[in-house]
Amino acid sequence: MSGDFPVALIFVLGAAAVPFLQGRLRIAFMLLLPVIAFAYLLALPYGEFGQVELLGQTLVLMRVDRLSLLFGTIFVLASLLNVIYAIHLKDSMQHVAGLVYAGSSIGAVFAGDVMTLFIFWELTAVSSVLLIWAQRTDRTFRTGLRYVIVQLLSGMFLLAGGLLHWRTTGSLSFGPIGLSGAAGTLILIAFGIKCAFPFLHNWLQDAYPDATPTGAVILSAFTTKLGIYALARAFPGTEMLIWIGTAMAAFPIFYAVIENDLRRVLAYSMNNQLGFMVVGIGIGSELAINGAVAHAFADILFKGLLFMSMGAVLLRTGTVKGSELGGLYKSMPWTTGFCIVGAASISAFPLFSGFVTKSMIMSAAAGEDLLLTWLVLLFASAGVFHHAGIKIPYFAFFSHDSGIRCEEAPRNMLVAMGIAAALCVGIGVFPDALYSILPYPVDYQPYTSSHVVAQLQLLVFSALAFAVLMRTGIYPPELRSVNLDSDWFYRAFLFSVAKKATAILHTLRALLGRRLRATGSQLYSRIHRHHGPQGALARTWPTGSMALWVTIMLLAWLVLYYLP
């Protein structure tokens, strides 16, 4: 089968038909789209397809290789889970936005040139913001506006870097770029925004917790993982990424421990997991790249499962604040069980997906003698068990009994969570199925006695530390609070600058208005003095002079009219 037809269009064109369908027909149609896309991917040969000529350059709409197929496969699978999870919604806007968002992410993954990548890159921003605005509140409107500005800014960096790369090399091909020039730096910034690098990460903690219960699940699957794909394609082996990823893996732990909003905890946890992937890409060896993309594959499933469970809690209780929850295992036992599977997976328990993917990155770091990085990643592994492996299920479903009694999650949500949980366990038990589709041949055995024992020791001691901290009252309690992140400094500064600039502009406009009014009054006095009493103006002025003064007066009137 030829790959000339972009797989992204299956979702984008299909989304256009969704508003015109109703009931079971709409459900069947939306479920069919990812199934068709997956069958199409299975039949694709390797190569470049869908070539289009533009301004003397050949754009490649479909570049099929092992890396793009891996991310295309998991994105299609995620889109299927998202459709199942959101079936109960009557809001067609969220269905359309979710499908276009999935399709544009898949289109970016298969893009063979920077210009095609840019088009789909921007389409992901425009479509995904609708999942935040779907809450239809003033707060989420402002959040979505900040989110889309940051995402579009990422696209501008990508476009500028891509054009500079074209000017330097004469090619728009999207492949290894590196940091040899300004083009590479601009493109790395674009990808860094998408990957939520330190100081560029705050859009993630802003947007995901404010999205709808289903929107947060969809957002968790695509944006940041598209950034990871782009890094793996363009910057493998870039040493700077090792240190960026190391910082990413460590700093979110401290915020996640003190955060009360459990979806915001998951957003910080996403930063933590992305750090592992960025480290793997920075190391650049075959084992490290395999580990980074395998962990991205697994993360979409277990992080999506955790967001699904919190979305179900939000739907049934109206809150995901740790201080307001507890005891929900009595009302939502299935959701509790699925959340525990996600927590075990992200914590890298043996027989769960995180164990067979994260360890590849750790082994690659150890093999390259990156002792400091390995120690930080070890600390980050213990930290993620604290805030995502224990804190999320403990404060949501156990802890004190909040007295909340509600219905179990809707059946379609349970089905989506069940499939995701089964895949998390399946990958952990049968890792070779995932290893077989990785970019490079895999010669790695996760289930060695030393690795299993070492990981269990780490988890047991982390659990004991959590228990001791809770019993002694040292662990930060779940309280209503607002935690300030690094964006507070520049957002407060920019707000202050904007406020002062606005005041100055208002002052200047007021002064200008008074000056124009005074000038008009002086002009009238002179005209009246030189041309006699009222009515003499029209009789005594020459035609050209009259036209000039009428024009000046009209312009002055227009300026005064549009000034407040």
Foldseek 3Di string as FASTA:
>chain_A
DACLDQLLCLLLVLLVCLVVDDDPVSLVSQLVSLVVSLVVLVPYDAAFHNWDDDPNATWTQFGDDLLLSLLLNLLSVLSNLLSLQCVPDPDSLLVSLLSNLSSLLSSLSGTFFLVSVLVSQLSNLVSLLVQQCVVVDPLSVVLSVVSSVLSVVLSVLSVVLQVVCCVVPVHRGQAADEPPDPSVVSNLVSLCLQLLFPVSNVSLLSRLLSGALSSNLSVQQGRNVSSLSSCLGHPAQAQVLLVRLLVQLFPLLVVLLQAFQLRSNLSSLSSNLSSLLSNLRNNRDQLSPLLNSLSSSLCSLLSSLLSLLLSLLCVWPVGRGLVQAAQCCVAAVLSLVLLLLSLCQSLLAQLFSVVVRSVSSLVSCVVVVVVVSNVSNLVSSLSSCLRRNDVRSCSHNHDDHNVDHTHYGDPSSSVSSVVSSVVRNVCNVVVVVVQVSGNDRDDDDSPDPVNNVVSVVSNVVSVVVSVVCVVVVNRNDRDDDDDDDPVCVVVVVVVVVVVVVVVVVLVVLVVVLVVLVVVVVVVVVVLCVPQDHPPSSVVPDDPVVVVVVVVVVVVSVVSNVPRD
